[in-house]
């Protein structure tokens, strides 16, 4: 698994600290490095993170628990499976996307009904893997005024306001 780049991790902490989300949805846990950064200075935020590999998900959950992130839960399975377990009342103020690049857009569309207006959308690898996730980059750029920060991999940041 490839964790987020060293120049991206502190940005995750900075956004979570500044925005103070009540709930964060993370697509792509790996071993929990990015999850730790999302929850580092946001201990009251509930984090639902999704990892497709059950063994890696278990290791990540153990790591997050050991680190004291009691509100972080790693869902073992696909993002589609995780979203299917949400109720209409499950809402998120922040989403971090860093999983299978061709699934970025369809998985974001599945999560959209669960995003609160003004939710912060963070998308990794939009420069180094642009061809694989261009559809989401276009969607967020045209509809939500996304900005791409010049990190090693490219971090897209947008504020989600439906029906803009």
N, C-alpha and C. Protein backbone atom coordinates (compact mmCIF):
# COMPACT_ATOMS: atom_id res chain seq x y z
N UNK A 1 0.84 -1.18 0.00
CA UNK A 1 0.00 0.00 0.00
C UNK A 1 0.89 1.25 0.00
N UNK A 2 0.45 2.23 -0.74
CA UNK A 2 1.19 3.49 -0.78
C UNK A 2 0.47 4.53 0.07
N UNK A 3 1.10 4.96 1.16
CA UNK A 3 0.47 6.00 1.97
C UNK A 3 0.51 7.34 1.25
N UNK A 4 -0.25 8.30 1.76
CA UNK A 4 -0.20 9.64 1.18
C UNK A 4 1.23 10.16 1.26
N UNK A 5 1.56 11.04 0.36
CA UNK A 5 2.91 11.61 0.31
C UNK A 5 3.15 12.51 1.53
N UNK A 6 4.41 12.67 1.90
CA UNK A 6 4.74 13.48 3.09
C UNK A 6 4.24 14.92 3.02
N UNK A 7 4.08 15.46 1.82
CA UNK A 7 3.58 16.84 1.74
C UNK A 7 2.06 16.92 1.76
N UNK A 8 1.39 15.78 1.65
CA UNK A 8 -0.08 15.75 1.69
C UNK A 8 -0.60 15.53 3.10
N UNK A 9 0.05 14.67 3.86
CA UNK A 9 -0.42 14.31 5.20
C UNK A 9 -0.68 15.53 6.09
N UNK A 10 0.25 16.49 6.18
CA UNK A 10 -0.03 17.65 7.04
C UNK A 10 -1.21 18.49 6.55
N UNK A 11 -1.48 18.45 5.25
CA UNK A 11 -2.64 19.19 4.73
C UNK A 11 -3.95 18.54 5.20
N UNK A 12 -3.96 17.22 5.29
CA UNK A 12 -5.15 16.54 5.81
C UNK A 12 -5.41 16.98 7.25
N UNK A 13 -4.37 17.02 8.04
CA UNK A 13 -4.50 17.48 9.43
C UNK A 13 -4.97 18.92 9.47
N UNK A 14 -4.39 19.76 8.64
CA UNK A 14 -4.75 21.19 8.63
C UNK A 14 -6.22 21.40 8.26
N UNK A 15 -6.69 20.70 7.24
CA UNK A 15 -8.10 20.86 6.84
C UNK A 15 -9.05 20.33 7.91
N UNK A 16 -8.73 19.17 8.48
CA UNK A 16 -9.60 18.62 9.52
C UNK A 16 -9.60 19.51 10.76
N UNK A 17 -8.45 20.10 11.08
CA UNK A 17 -8.36 21.01 12.23
C UNK A 17 -9.15 22.28 11.98
N UNK A 18 -9.01 22.85 10.79
CA UNK A 18 -9.67 24.11 10.46
C UNK A 18 -11.18 23.95 10.29
N UNK A 19 -11.60 22.87 9.66
CA UNK A 19 -13.02 22.70 9.33
C UNK A 19 -13.83 22.07 10.47
N UNK A 20 -13.15 21.38 11.37
CA UNK A 20 -13.81 20.72 12.50
C UNK A 20 -15.03 19.88 12.08
N UNK A 21 -14.83 18.94 11.18
CA UNK A 21 -15.95 18.13 10.72
C UNK A 21 -16.49 17.23 11.83
N UNK A 22 -17.80 17.08 11.86
CA UNK A 22 -18.40 16.15 12.82
C UNK A 22 -18.19 14.71 12.35
N UNK A 23 -18.19 14.52 11.03
CA UNK A 23 -18.03 13.18 10.48
C UNK A 23 -17.23 13.24 9.18
N UNK A 24 -16.29 12.30 9.06
CA UNK A 24 -15.40 12.21 7.90
C UNK A 24 -15.58 10.83 7.27
N UNK A 25 -15.65 10.80 5.94
CA UNK A 25 -15.70 9.54 5.20
C UNK A 25 -14.41 9.46 4.40
N UNK A 26 -13.66 8.37 4.58
CA UNK A 26 -12.40 8.18 3.87
C UNK A 26 -12.49 6.97 2.95
N UNK A 27 -12.20 7.19 1.69
CA UNK A 27 -12.18 6.10 0.71
C UNK A 27 -10.72 5.69 0.49
N UNK A 28 -10.33 4.59 1.12
CA UNK A 28 -8.97 4.09 0.98
C UNK A 28 -8.17 4.26 2.26
N UNK A 29 -8.24 3.30 3.14
CA UNK A 29 -7.56 3.37 4.43
C UNK A 29 -6.10 2.98 4.32
N UNK A 30 -5.83 1.90 3.59
CA UNK A 30 -4.55 1.21 3.63
C UNK A 30 -4.27 0.89 5.10
N UNK A 31 -3.12 1.28 5.63
CA UNK A 31 -2.80 0.95 7.03
C UNK A 31 -3.17 2.06 8.00
N UNK A 32 -3.86 3.10 7.52
CA UNK A 32 -4.39 4.12 8.41
C UNK A 32 -3.56 5.38 8.56
N UNK A 33 -2.53 5.55 7.75
CA UNK A 33 -1.67 6.74 7.86
C UNK A 33 -2.47 8.02 7.61
N UNK A 34 -3.23 8.05 6.54
CA UNK A 34 -4.03 9.25 6.25
C UNK A 34 -5.13 9.42 7.29
N UNK A 35 -5.70 8.33 7.75
CA UNK A 35 -6.75 8.40 8.79
C UNK A 35 -6.20 9.05 10.05
N UNK A 36 -4.99 8.66 10.42
CA UNK A 36 -4.35 9.27 11.60
C UNK A 36 -4.21 10.77 11.42
N UNK A 37 -3.83 11.19 10.24
CA UNK A 37 -3.67 12.62 9.99
C UNK A 37 -5.01 13.36 9.98
N UNK A 38 -6.04 12.71 9.49
CA UNK A 38 -7.37 13.34 9.52
C UNK A 38 -7.86 13.50 10.95
N UNK A 39 -7.55 12.53 11.81
CA UNK A 39 -8.06 12.57 13.18
C UNK A 39 -7.11 13.15 14.19
N UNK A 40 -5.90 13.51 13.77
CA UNK A 40 -4.86 13.98 14.69
C UNK A 40 -5.31 15.12 15.59
N UNK A 41 -5.85 16.16 14.98
CA UNK A 41 -6.29 17.32 15.75
C UNK A 41 -7.80 17.50 15.67
N UNK A 42 -8.50 16.41 15.36
CA UNK A 42 -9.96 16.44 15.30
C UNK A 42 -10.51 15.24 16.07
N UNK A 43 -10.17 15.15 17.37
CA UNK A 43 -10.52 13.95 18.14
C UNK A 43 -12.03 13.73 18.29
N UNK A 44 -12.83 14.76 18.10
CA UNK A 44 -14.28 14.61 18.23
C UNK A 44 -14.95 14.20 16.93
N UNK A 45 -14.19 14.18 15.86
CA UNK A 45 -14.74 13.79 14.55
C UNK A 45 -14.91 12.28 14.49
N UNK A 46 -16.06 11.84 14.01
CA UNK A 46 -16.25 10.43 13.71
C UNK A 46 -15.68 10.18 12.33
N UNK A 47 -14.88 9.13 12.20
CA UNK A 47 -14.27 8.82 10.92
C UNK A 47 -14.70 7.42 10.49
N UNK A 48 -15.27 7.34 9.30
CA UNK A 48 -15.56 6.04 8.69
C UNK A 48 -14.60 5.91 7.51
N UNK A 49 -13.73 4.92 7.62
CA UNK A 49 -12.74 4.71 6.58
C UNK A 49 -12.98 3.34 5.95
N UNK A 50 -12.71 3.23 4.67
CA UNK A 50 -13.01 1.99 3.94
C UNK A 50 -11.72 1.41 3.35
N UNK A 51 -11.49 0.13 3.64
CA UNK A 51 -10.34 -0.60 3.11
C UNK A 51 -10.83 -1.93 2.54
N UNK A 52 -10.54 -2.20 1.27
CA UNK A 52 -11.07 -3.39 0.62
C UNK A 52 -10.44 -4.69 1.12
N UNK A 53 -9.19 -4.66 1.59
CA UNK A 53 -8.50 -5.86 2.05
C UNK A 53 -8.80 -6.08 3.53
N UNK A 54 -9.50 -7.16 3.90
CA UNK A 54 -9.91 -7.35 5.29
C UNK A 54 -8.74 -7.43 6.28
N UNK A 55 -7.64 -8.05 5.88
CA UNK A 55 -6.49 -8.14 6.79
C UNK A 55 -5.86 -6.77 7.02
N UNK A 56 -5.74 -6.00 5.97
CA UNK A 56 -5.19 -4.65 6.09
C UNK A 56 -6.14 -3.77 6.89
N UNK A 57 -7.45 -3.94 6.68
CA UNK A 57 -8.44 -3.18 7.44
C UNK A 57 -8.31 -3.46 8.93
N UNK A 58 -8.12 -4.73 9.29
CA UNK A 58 -7.97 -5.09 10.70
C UNK A 58 -6.71 -4.47 11.29
N UNK A 59 -5.61 -4.52 10.56
CA UNK A 59 -4.37 -3.91 11.04
C UNK A 59 -4.55 -2.41 11.21
N UNK A 60 -5.19 -1.78 10.25
CA UNK A 60 -5.44 -0.34 10.34
C UNK A 60 -6.30 -0.01 11.56
N UNK A 61 -7.35 -0.79 11.79
CA UNK A 61 -8.22 -0.54 12.94
C UNK A 61 -7.43 -0.65 14.24
N UNK A 62 -6.58 -1.66 14.34
CA UNK A 62 -5.75 -1.82 15.54
C UNK A 62 -4.82 -0.64 15.73
N UNK A 63 -4.23 -0.18 14.64
CA UNK A 63 -3.32 0.97 14.71
C UNK A 63 -4.06 2.22 15.17
N UNK A 64 -5.24 2.46 14.62
CA UNK A 64 -6.02 3.64 14.99
C UNK A 64 -6.46 3.58 16.45
N UNK A 65 -6.84 2.41 16.91
CA UNK A 65 -7.24 2.25 18.31
C UNK A 65 -6.06 2.49 19.23
N UNK A 66 -4.90 1.91 18.89
CA UNK A 66 -3.69 2.12 19.68
C UNK A 66 -3.30 3.60 19.73
N UNK A 67 -3.57 4.31 18.65
CA UNK A 67 -3.23 5.74 18.59
C UNK A 67 -4.24 6.61 19.33
N UNK A 68 -5.33 5.99 19.80
CA UNK A 68 -6.32 6.74 20.56
C UNK A 68 -7.44 7.35 19.74
N UNK A 69 -7.55 6.96 18.48
CA UNK A 69 -8.65 7.46 17.65
C UNK A 69 -9.87 6.56 17.86
N UNK A 70 -10.53 6.77 18.97
CA UNK A 70 -11.67 5.94 19.36
C UNK A 70 -12.85 6.09 18.42
N UNK A 71 -12.96 7.23 17.73
CA UNK A 71 -14.09 7.50 16.85
C UNK A 71 -13.85 7.07 15.41
N UNK A 72 -12.73 6.39 15.16
CA UNK A 72 -12.41 5.94 13.81
C UNK A 72 -12.78 4.47 13.64
N UNK A 73 -13.54 4.18 12.59
CA UNK A 73 -13.95 2.81 12.30
C UNK A 73 -13.51 2.49 10.87
N UNK A 74 -12.85 1.36 10.71
CA UNK A 74 -12.43 0.92 9.38
C UNK A 74 -13.42 -0.14 8.90
N UNK A 75 -14.06 0.13 7.79
CA UNK A 75 -15.01 -0.80 7.18
C UNK A 75 -14.25 -1.69 6.21
N UNK A 76 -14.26 -3.02 6.43
CA UNK A 76 -13.59 -3.91 5.48
C UNK A 76 -14.51 -4.22 4.30
N UNK A 77 -14.13 -3.78 3.13
CA UNK A 77 -14.94 -4.01 1.94
C UNK A 77 -14.76 -2.88 0.96
N UNK A 78 -15.65 -2.84 -0.02
CA UNK A 78 -15.57 -1.78 -1.02
C UNK A 78 -16.29 -0.53 -0.53
N UNK A 79 -16.01 0.58 -1.16
CA UNK A 79 -16.71 1.82 -0.84
C UNK A 79 -18.20 1.64 -1.13
N UNK A 80 -18.52 0.98 -2.22
CA UNK A 80 -19.93 0.75 -2.56
C UNK A 80 -20.62 -0.03 -1.44
N UNK A 81 -19.96 -1.06 -0.91
CA UNK A 81 -20.53 -1.83 0.20
C UNK A 81 -20.72 -0.95 1.43
N UNK A 82 -19.72 -0.16 1.75
CA UNK A 82 -19.79 0.70 2.94
C UNK A 82 -20.95 1.69 2.82
N UNK A 83 -21.09 2.29 1.66
CA UNK A 83 -22.16 3.28 1.47
C UNK A 83 -23.53 2.60 1.55
N UNK A 84 -23.61 1.37 1.09
CA UNK A 84 -24.89 0.65 1.16
C UNK A 84 -25.31 0.39 2.60
N UNK A 85 -24.39 0.43 3.54
CA UNK A 85 -24.70 0.25 4.96
C UNK A 85 -25.08 1.55 5.66
N UNK A 86 -24.96 2.68 4.98
CA UNK A 86 -25.32 3.96 5.59
C UNK A 86 -26.84 4.12 5.63
N UNK A 87 -27.30 4.87 6.61
CA UNK A 87 -28.72 5.21 6.67
C UNK A 87 -28.88 6.61 6.06
N UNK A 88 -30.11 7.00 5.73
CA UNK A 88 -30.31 8.35 5.20
C UNK A 88 -29.85 9.45 6.17
N UNK A 89 -29.78 9.13 7.45
CA UNK A 89 -29.35 10.12 8.45
C UNK A 89 -27.83 10.22 8.57
N UNK A 90 -27.09 9.28 7.99
CA UNK A 90 -25.63 9.35 8.04
C UNK A 90 -25.15 10.44 7.10
N UNK A 91 -24.54 11.46 7.67
CA UNK A 91 -24.11 12.64 6.90
C UNK A 91 -22.63 12.92 7.21
N UNK A 92 -21.93 13.48 6.23
CA UNK A 92 -20.50 13.74 6.38
C UNK A 92 -20.18 15.18 6.02
N UNK A 93 -19.22 15.73 6.77
CA UNK A 93 -18.77 17.10 6.57
C UNK A 93 -17.44 17.16 5.82
N UNK A 94 -16.82 16.00 5.65
CA UNK A 94 -15.54 15.93 4.94
C UNK A 94 -15.42 14.54 4.32
N UNK A 95 -14.81 14.50 3.14
CA UNK A 95 -14.51 13.23 2.49
C UNK A 95 -13.09 13.32 1.95
N UNK A 96 -12.33 12.24 2.16
CA UNK A 96 -11.00 12.13 1.58
C UNK A 96 -11.01 10.91 0.66
N UNK A 97 -10.62 11.14 -0.59
CA UNK A 97 -10.68 10.08 -1.61
C UNK A 97 -9.27 9.71 -2.05
N UNK A 98 -8.91 8.44 -1.81
CA UNK A 98 -7.58 7.96 -2.16
C UNK A 98 -7.62 6.43 -2.25
N UNK A 99 -8.39 5.92 -3.20
CA UNK A 99 -8.48 4.47 -3.38
C UNK A 99 -8.32 4.16 -4.86
N UNK A 100 -9.00 3.18 -5.38
CA UNK A 100 -8.87 2.81 -6.80
C UNK A 100 -9.31 3.99 -7.67
N UNK A 101 -8.39 4.56 -8.39
CA UNK A 101 -8.63 5.81 -9.13
C UNK A 101 -9.82 5.75 -10.09
N UNK A 102 -10.02 4.67 -10.87
CA UNK A 102 -11.18 4.63 -11.75
C UNK A 102 -12.52 4.64 -11.00
N UNK A 103 -12.50 4.35 -9.71
CA UNK A 103 -13.73 4.34 -8.91
C UNK A 103 -14.00 5.68 -8.21
N UNK A 104 -13.08 6.63 -8.34
CA UNK A 104 -13.26 7.92 -7.67
C UNK A 104 -14.63 8.52 -7.97
N UNK A 105 -14.95 8.68 -9.24
CA UNK A 105 -16.19 9.38 -9.61
C UNK A 105 -17.44 8.58 -9.25
N UNK A 106 -17.54 7.29 -9.63
CA UNK A 106 -18.77 6.57 -9.26
C UNK A 106 -18.95 6.47 -7.75
N UNK A 107 -17.86 6.29 -7.01
CA UNK A 107 -18.00 6.20 -5.55
C UNK A 107 -18.35 7.56 -4.95
N UNK A 108 -17.81 8.63 -5.50
CA UNK A 108 -18.21 9.96 -5.02
C UNK A 108 -19.70 10.18 -5.26
N UNK A 109 -20.18 9.80 -6.44
CA UNK A 109 -21.61 9.95 -6.75
C UNK A 109 -22.48 9.15 -5.77
N UNK A 110 -22.01 7.99 -5.38
CA UNK A 110 -22.76 7.19 -4.40
C UNK A 110 -22.81 7.89 -3.04
N UNK A 111 -21.73 8.57 -2.68
CA UNK A 111 -21.65 9.23 -1.37
C UNK A 111 -22.35 10.58 -1.35
N UNK A 112 -22.51 11.21 -2.49
CA UNK A 112 -23.08 12.56 -2.56
C UNK A 112 -24.34 12.77 -1.72
N UNK A 113 -25.31 11.86 -1.74
CA UNK A 113 -26.52 12.10 -0.93
C UNK A 113 -26.24 12.17 0.57
N UNK A 114 -25.05 11.76 0.98
CA UNK A 114 -24.69 11.76 2.40
C UNK A 114 -23.77 12.92 2.78
N UNK A 115 -23.52 13.82 1.83
CA UNK A 115 -22.66 14.97 2.12
C UNK A 115 -23.49 16.17 2.56
N UNK A 116 -23.06 16.80 3.62
CA UNK A 116 -23.71 18.03 4.07
C UNK A 116 -23.28 19.18 3.16
N UNK A 117 -24.16 20.17 2.96
CA UNK A 117 -23.73 21.36 2.22
C UNK A 117 -22.51 21.98 2.89
N UNK A 118 -21.53 22.34 2.08
CA UNK A 118 -20.30 22.92 2.60
C UNK A 118 -19.25 21.89 2.98
N UNK A 119 -19.54 20.61 2.75
CA UNK A 119 -18.58 19.55 3.07
C UNK A 119 -17.28 19.79 2.30
N UNK A 120 -16.18 19.53 2.95
CA UNK A 120 -14.88 19.64 2.31
C UNK A 120 -14.57 18.33 1.60
N UNK A 121 -14.21 18.44 0.32
CA UNK A 121 -13.86 17.28 -0.49
C UNK A 121 -12.37 17.35 -0.79
N UNK A 122 -11.64 16.32 -0.38
CA UNK A 122 -10.20 16.23 -0.62
C UNK A 122 -9.94 15.00 -1.47
N UNK A 123 -9.24 15.18 -2.60
CA UNK A 123 -9.00 14.08 -3.53
C UNK A 123 -7.51 14.02 -3.85
N UNK A 124 -6.89 12.89 -3.53
CA UNK A 124 -5.46 12.72 -3.75
C UNK A 124 -5.18 12.17 -5.14
N UNK A 125 -3.96 12.36 -5.59
CA UNK A 125 -3.44 11.81 -6.85
C UNK A 125 -4.08 12.37 -8.10
N UNK A 126 -4.54 13.61 -8.05
CA UNK A 126 -5.21 14.17 -9.23
C UNK A 126 -4.22 14.68 -10.28
N UNK A 127 -2.96 14.78 -9.95
CA UNK A 127 -1.96 15.14 -10.97
C UNK A 127 -1.22 13.91 -11.47
N UNK A 128 -0.70 13.10 -10.56
CA UNK A 128 0.11 11.97 -11.01
C UNK A 128 -0.71 10.82 -11.57
N UNK A 129 -2.02 10.80 -11.32
CA UNK A 129 -2.89 9.75 -11.86
C UNK A 129 -4.11 10.36 -12.56
N UNK A 130 -3.92 11.53 -13.14
CA UNK A 130 -5.01 12.31 -13.72
C UNK A 130 -5.86 11.53 -14.71
N UNK A 131 -5.24 10.77 -15.58
CA UNK A 131 -6.00 10.06 -16.61
C UNK A 131 -7.03 9.11 -16.00
N UNK A 132 -6.73 8.58 -14.83
CA UNK A 132 -7.62 7.60 -14.20
C UNK A 132 -8.76 8.24 -13.41
N UNK A 133 -8.62 9.51 -13.06
CA UNK A 133 -9.66 10.14 -12.23
C UNK A 133 -10.14 11.47 -12.82
N UNK A 134 -9.90 11.68 -14.10
CA UNK A 134 -10.26 12.94 -14.76
C UNK A 134 -11.74 13.26 -14.63
N UNK A 135 -12.60 12.25 -14.68
CA UNK A 135 -14.04 12.52 -14.61
C UNK A 135 -14.43 13.20 -13.29
N UNK A 136 -13.85 12.78 -12.18
CA UNK A 136 -14.16 13.44 -10.90
C UNK A 136 -13.52 14.82 -10.84
N UNK A 137 -12.31 14.96 -11.35
CA UNK A 137 -11.65 16.27 -11.37
C UNK A 137 -12.50 17.26 -12.16
N UNK A 138 -12.98 16.86 -13.32
CA UNK A 138 -13.82 17.72 -14.15
C UNK A 138 -15.11 18.07 -13.41
N UNK A 139 -15.76 17.09 -12.84
CA UNK A 139 -17.02 17.30 -12.13
C UNK A 139 -16.86 18.30 -10.99
N UNK A 140 -15.84 18.11 -10.18
CA UNK A 140 -15.64 19.00 -9.03
C UNK A 140 -15.13 20.38 -9.45
N UNK A 141 -14.36 20.43 -10.52
CA UNK A 141 -13.84 21.71 -11.00
C UNK A 141 -14.94 22.55 -11.61
N UNK A 142 -15.79 21.93 -12.40
CA UNK A 142 -16.86 22.68 -13.08
C UNK A 142 -18.01 23.01 -12.14
N UNK A 143 -18.33 22.13 -11.23
CA UNK A 143 -19.50 22.34 -10.38
C UNK A 143 -19.22 22.96 -9.03
N UNK A 144 -17.98 22.86 -8.56
CA UNK A 144 -17.72 23.26 -7.18
C UNK A 144 -16.45 24.08 -7.01
N UNK A 145 -15.92 24.59 -8.10
CA UNK A 145 -14.77 25.48 -8.02
C UNK A 145 -13.57 24.87 -7.34
N UNK A 146 -13.28 23.63 -7.64
CA UNK A 146 -12.16 22.94 -7.00
C UNK A 146 -10.83 23.62 -7.31
N UNK A 147 -9.94 23.49 -6.36
CA UNK A 147 -8.57 23.98 -6.51
C UNK A 147 -7.64 22.79 -6.36
N UNK A 148 -6.59 22.75 -7.16
CA UNK A 148 -5.61 21.66 -7.04
C UNK A 148 -4.34 22.23 -6.42
N UNK A 149 -4.02 21.70 -5.24
CA UNK A 149 -2.82 22.14 -4.54
C UNK A 149 -1.61 21.42 -5.12
N UNK A 150 -0.48 22.10 -5.26
CA UNK A 150 0.69 21.52 -5.91
C UNK A 150 1.51 20.60 -5.00
N UNK A 151 0.89 19.54 -4.53
CA UNK A 151 1.62 18.53 -3.77
C UNK A 151 2.29 17.58 -4.75
N UNK A 152 3.08 16.65 -4.23
CA UNK A 152 3.75 15.69 -5.11
C UNK A 152 2.78 14.96 -6.02
N UNK A 153 1.62 14.57 -5.50
CA UNK A 153 0.65 13.81 -6.28
C UNK A 153 -0.50 14.67 -6.78
N UNK A 154 -0.66 15.86 -6.21
CA UNK A 154 -1.78 16.74 -6.54
C UNK A 154 -2.96 16.46 -5.63
N UNK A 155 -3.34 17.45 -4.83
CA UNK A 155 -4.47 17.31 -3.91
C UNK A 155 -5.55 18.29 -4.31
N UNK A 156 -6.69 17.76 -4.74
CA UNK A 156 -7.82 18.60 -5.11
C UNK A 156 -8.62 18.92 -3.84
N UNK A 157 -9.03 20.18 -3.72
CA UNK A 157 -9.83 20.62 -2.58
C UNK A 157 -11.05 21.35 -3.13
N UNK A 158 -12.22 20.97 -2.65
CA UNK A 158 -13.47 21.63 -3.07
C UNK A 158 -14.41 21.69 -1.88
N UNK A 159 -15.34 22.63 -1.95
CA UNK A 159 -16.43 22.69 -0.98
C UNK A 159 -17.68 22.27 -1.70
N UNK A 160 -18.38 21.32 -1.13
CA UNK A 160 -19.55 20.73 -1.77
C UNK A 160 -20.81 21.51 -1.41
N UNK A 161 -21.37 22.14 -2.42
CA UNK A 161 -22.68 22.80 -2.29
C UNK A 161 -23.54 22.29 -3.42
N UNK A 162 -24.49 21.39 -3.10
CA UNK A 162 -25.32 20.81 -4.17
C UNK A 162 -26.17 21.85 -4.86
N UNK A 163 -26.47 21.58 -6.13
CA UNK A 163 -27.33 22.43 -6.96
C UNK A 163 -26.82 23.86 -7.03
N UNK A 164 -25.54 24.02 -7.19
CA UNK A 164 -24.94 25.34 -7.31
C UNK A 164 -25.18 25.91 -8.65
